[in-house]
Amino acid sequence: MLAIKPRQVRSRREWNQLLKSWDYGSASQLEHARRYTVSFPSDYAGWIALADALWSLARYMEAKAALRTAERLVPPKSRYRVWEQWGHMYREMNDLRRAEKWYRKALRAHRSARGHILLGATLARQGRRKQAERQHRAAIKAGTPGEPIDEAHVNLALMRRASEDYSDAAKHLREALKIDSSNEDARAVLRDVTRAMRLAGKSPQPPPRGGGKRSTLAR
């Protein structure tokens, strides 16, 4: 779902209807976004919506053209919103380095919890866990009102789980559930790390490194 409000108040009703198309699928998104840009061609948010629909259909060249139009129309103070969308598109294309570049650019222009979360998630997908952790901690510290701080806690918990620090992961998952008790991702991961802690407590200690006969399966 797009986290963007249109500049033109007279388009609000049509915009809300456009957002409902996201519940149906890419074809509905595309047709409604196209209709919106015809009705309100100077509203940059409509071009972002059109780009989103296009890249969901792997029509990347057309999506890029729509984002360039959005960049020409967007007020300077809101350019970071378009730059985030460039990041979303490259993430969808699995070009994580370019996605990272655009998320960093957006974050430099507008510091927010959301910006740190987007960058952190992209770094995590590249296996750069320490850098990802720093971004999610920064998101929690920023605590931008109205932004998904619970998501930052969940993402940080995933990093700690990957490092087998189950206790710290559980702590952040509980913090996420304090913010939003309906966060099913937090509940699912908390069940996992809680069970992992129980299993780790019952597991035999691994043999010392370098000692004993190696199994042929390990060669």
Protein backbone atom coordinates (compact mmCIF):
# COMPACT_ATOMS: atom_id res chain seq x y z
CA MET A 1 0.00 0.00 0.00
CA LEU A 2 1.25 3.48 -0.86
CA ALA A 3 2.10 5.69 2.13
CA ILE A 4 1.48 8.90 0.17
CA LYS A 5 -1.22 11.55 0.32
CA PRO A 6 -2.14 13.50 -2.82
CA ARG A 7 -1.44 17.21 -2.97
CA GLN A 8 -4.79 18.06 -4.52
CA VAL A 9 -7.64 17.95 -2.05
CA ARG A 10 -10.17 17.65 -4.88
CA SER A 11 -8.62 14.27 -5.82
CA ARG A 12 -8.92 12.73 -2.36
CA ARG A 13 -12.05 10.68 -3.12
CA GLU A 14 -10.54 9.25 -6.31
CA TRP A 15 -7.26 8.62 -4.49
CA ASN A 16 -8.99 6.61 -1.78
CA GLN A 17 -10.73 4.56 -4.45
CA LEU A 18 -7.36 4.01 -6.14
CA LEU A 19 -5.90 2.66 -2.90
CA LYS A 20 -8.74 0.14 -2.67
CA SER A 21 -7.55 -1.33 -5.99
CA TRP A 22 -4.48 -2.64 -4.16
CA ASP A 23 -6.80 -5.19 -2.53
CA TYR A 24 -7.68 -6.67 -5.94
CA GLY A 25 -4.38 -7.03 -7.78
CA SER A 26 -1.95 -5.56 -10.28
CA ALA A 27 -4.38 -5.22 -13.20
CA SER A 28 -6.85 -3.23 -11.11
CA GLN A 29 -4.00 -1.12 -9.75
CA LEU A 30 -2.77 -0.36 -13.25
CA GLU A 31 -6.13 0.63 -14.70
CA HIS A 32 -7.09 2.77 -11.73
CA ALA A 33 -3.70 4.49 -11.54
CA ARG A 34 -3.80 5.21 -15.27
CA ARG A 35 -7.27 6.73 -14.90
CA TYR A 36 -6.05 8.82 -11.97
CA THR A 37 -3.09 10.28 -13.90
CA VAL A 38 -5.40 11.22 -16.77
CA SER A 39 -7.78 13.01 -14.39
CA PHE A 40 -5.03 14.62 -12.28
CA PRO A 41 -1.86 14.77 -14.41
CA SER A 42 -0.11 17.29 -12.14
CA ASP A 43 -0.45 15.14 -9.00
CA TYR A 44 2.90 13.40 -8.46
CA ALA A 45 1.30 10.78 -6.19
CA GLY A 46 -0.69 9.42 -9.11
CA TRP A 47 2.48 8.83 -11.12
CA ILE A 48 4.02 7.02 -8.17
CA ALA A 49 0.94 4.81 -7.98
CA LEU A 50 1.21 4.12 -11.71
CA ALA A 51 4.91 3.23 -11.36
CA ASP A 52 4.09 0.86 -8.50
CA ALA A 53 1.47 -0.92 -10.61
CA LEU A 54 3.83 -1.17 -13.58
CA TRP A 55 6.79 -2.64 -11.72
CA SER A 56 4.49 -5.18 -10.05
CA LEU A 57 3.87 -6.39 -13.63
CA ALA A 58 7.63 -6.37 -14.41
CA ARG A 59 7.14 -3.43 -16.83
CA TYR A 60 10.21 -1.70 -15.51
CA MET A 61 10.97 0.73 -18.34
CA GLU A 62 7.45 2.17 -18.15
CA ALA A 63 7.71 2.31 -14.35
CA LYS A 64 10.93 4.31 -14.64
CA ALA A 65 9.25 6.77 -17.00
CA ALA A 66 6.40 7.24 -14.52
CA LEU A 67 8.85 7.87 -11.68
CA ARG A 68 10.70 10.45 -13.76
CA THR A 69 7.39 12.26 -14.29
CA ALA A 70 6.76 12.13 -10.54
CA GLU A 71 10.21 13.63 -9.92
CA ARG A 72 9.42 16.57 -12.19
CA LEU A 73 6.13 17.26 -10.39
CA VAL A 74 6.99 16.63 -6.75
CA PRO A 75 7.63 19.63 -4.44
CA PRO A 76 11.30 19.83 -3.35
CA LYS A 77 10.50 19.01 0.29
CA SER A 78 8.83 15.75 -0.78
CA ARG A 79 11.43 14.48 -3.26
CA TYR A 80 12.56 11.87 -0.77
CA ARG A 81 9.21 10.13 -1.32
CA VAL A 82 9.98 9.58 -5.00
CA TRP A 83 13.52 8.45 -4.15
CA GLU A 84 12.07 5.84 -1.80
CA GLN A 85 9.96 4.59 -4.70
CA TRP A 86 13.07 4.19 -6.86
CA GLY A 87 14.41 2.06 -4.03
CA HIS A 88 11.21 0.00 -3.97
CA MET A 89 11.40 -0.62 -7.71
CA TYR A 90 15.03 -1.75 -7.66
CA ARG A 91 14.28 -3.95 -4.66
CA GLU A 92 11.48 -5.54 -6.70
CA MET A 93 14.00 -6.07 -9.52
CA ASN A 94 16.34 -7.69 -6.95
CA ASP A 95 18.97 -5.03 -7.71
CA LEU A 96 19.71 -4.53 -4.04
CA ARG A 97 22.77 -2.31 -4.49
CA ARG A 98 20.78 0.24 -6.47
CA ALA A 99 17.90 -0.04 -4.04
CA GLU A 100 20.33 0.70 -1.22
CA LYS A 101 21.65 3.75 -3.07
CA TRP A 102 18.18 5.27 -3.45
CA TYR A 103 17.15 4.48 0.13
CA ARG A 104 20.31 6.16 1.40
CA LYS A 105 19.60 9.21 -0.74
CA ALA A 106 16.04 9.43 0.61
CA LEU A 107 17.25 9.01 4.18
CA ARG A 108 19.83 11.79 3.83
CA ALA A 109 17.08 14.12 2.64
CA HIS A 110 14.54 13.10 5.30
CA ARG A 111 15.57 11.31 8.49
CA SER A 112 12.81 9.06 9.77
CA ALA A 113 12.22 5.67 11.33
CA ARG A 114 10.68 4.50 8.05
CA GLY A 115 13.81 5.47 6.10
CA HIS A 116 16.06 3.54 8.47
CA ILE A 117 13.75 0.51 8.29
CA LEU A 118 13.77 0.46 4.48
CA LEU A 119 17.55 0.74 4.33
CA GLY A 120 18.02 -1.83 7.08
CA ALA A 121 15.80 -4.38 5.35
CA THR A 122 17.74 -3.97 2.10
CA LEU A 123 21.09 -4.38 3.86
CA ALA A 124 19.78 -7.51 5.59
CA ARG A 125 18.83 -9.07 2.25
CA GLN A 126 22.45 -8.57 1.18
CA GLY A 127 23.66 -10.45 4.25
CA ARG A 128 25.09 -7.29 5.85
CA ARG A 129 23.58 -8.00 9.23
CA LYS A 130 25.64 -5.64 11.39
CA GLN A 131 24.87 -2.67 9.18
CA ALA A 132 21.21 -3.71 9.06
CA GLU A 133 21.11 -3.88 12.86
CA ARG A 134 22.48 -0.33 13.13
CA GLN A 135 19.73 0.95 10.85
CA HIS A 136 16.94 -0.77 12.78
CA ARG A 137 18.35 0.49 16.09
CA ALA A 138 18.44 3.98 14.58
CA ALA A 139 14.77 3.56 13.57
CA ILE A 140 13.83 2.62 17.13
CA LYS A 141 15.80 5.56 18.49
CA ALA A 142 14.18 7.96 16.01
CA GLY A 143 10.72 6.83 17.11
CA THR A 144 9.05 8.91 14.41
CA PRO A 145 5.34 9.26 15.36
CA GLY A 146 2.98 7.33 13.11
CA GLU A 147 5.74 5.14 11.66
CA PRO A 148 6.09 1.35 12.15
CA ILE A 149 8.48 1.14 15.10
CA ASP A 150 7.17 -2.35 15.81
CA GLU A 151 8.50 -3.37 12.38
CA ALA A 152 11.96 -2.10 13.36
CA HIS A 153 11.84 -4.26 16.50
CA VAL A 154 10.78 -7.31 14.48
CA ASN A 155 13.51 -6.76 11.88
CA LEU A 156 16.12 -6.30 14.60
CA ALA A 157 14.87 -9.49 16.25
CA LEU A 158 15.39 -11.34 12.95
CA MET A 159 19.00 -10.13 12.89
CA ARG A 160 19.55 -11.27 16.49
CA ARG A 161 17.91 -14.62 15.71
CA ALA A 162 20.32 -15.11 12.80
CA SER A 163 23.17 -14.50 15.25
CA GLU A 164 21.61 -17.06 17.66
CA ASP A 165 21.05 -14.40 20.31
CA TYR A 166 17.57 -15.69 21.01
CA SER A 167 17.15 -13.84 24.30
CA ASP A 168 17.75 -10.42 22.72
CA ALA A 169 15.52 -11.37 19.79
CA ALA A 170 12.71 -12.26 22.20
CA LYS A 171 13.13 -8.93 23.98
CA HIS A 172 12.61 -6.98 20.77
CA LEU A 173 9.66 -9.14 19.73
CA ARG A 174 7.94 -8.42 23.04
CA GLU A 175 8.57 -4.70 22.48
CA ALA A 176 6.96 -5.01 19.04
CA LEU A 177 3.90 -6.67 20.59
CA LYS A 178 3.64 -3.89 23.18
CA ILE A 179 3.35 -1.43 20.28
CA ASP A 180 0.98 -3.59 18.22
CA SER A 181 -0.48 -6.65 19.89
CA SER A 182 -1.91 -7.82 16.54
CA ASN A 183 1.53 -8.12 14.88
CA GLU A 184 1.38 -11.74 13.70
CA ASP A 185 4.98 -11.70 12.41
CA ALA A 186 6.21 -10.81 15.88
CA ARG A 187 4.13 -13.59 17.44
CA ALA A 188 5.36 -16.20 14.97
CA VAL A 189 9.04 -15.32 15.41
CA LEU A 190 8.64 -15.14 19.20
CA ARG A 191 7.25 -18.70 19.19
CA ASP A 192 10.25 -19.80 17.15
CA VAL A 193 12.95 -18.20 19.31
CA THR A 194 11.25 -19.30 22.53
CA ARG A 195 11.30 -22.90 21.31
CA ALA A 196 14.88 -22.48 20.08
CA MET A 197 15.96 -21.34 23.57
CA ARG A 198 14.40 -24.45 25.09
CA LEU A 199 16.08 -26.70 22.54
CA ALA A 200 19.45 -24.97 22.95
CA GLY A 201 19.26 -25.57 26.71
CA LYS A 202 18.76 -29.30 26.11
CA SER A 203 21.30 -29.70 23.33
CA PRO A 204 24.58 -31.52 23.99
CA GLN A 205 27.72 -29.40 23.84
CA PRO A 206 29.52 -29.55 20.48
CA PRO A 207 32.87 -31.40 20.44
CA PRO A 208 36.01 -29.25 20.87
CA ARG A 209 37.44 -27.86 17.64
CA GLY A 210 40.27 -29.85 16.10
CA GLY A 211 39.77 -32.97 18.19
CA GLY A 212 38.57 -36.43 17.30
CA LYS A 213 38.18 -38.28 14.06
CA ARG A 214 36.40 -36.42 11.26
CA SER A 215 33.35 -37.99 9.70
CA THR A 216 33.63 -38.76 6.01
CA LEU A 217 30.39 -36.79 5.61
CA ALA A 218 32.15 -33.61 6.75
CA ARG A 219 34.83 -33.83 4.06
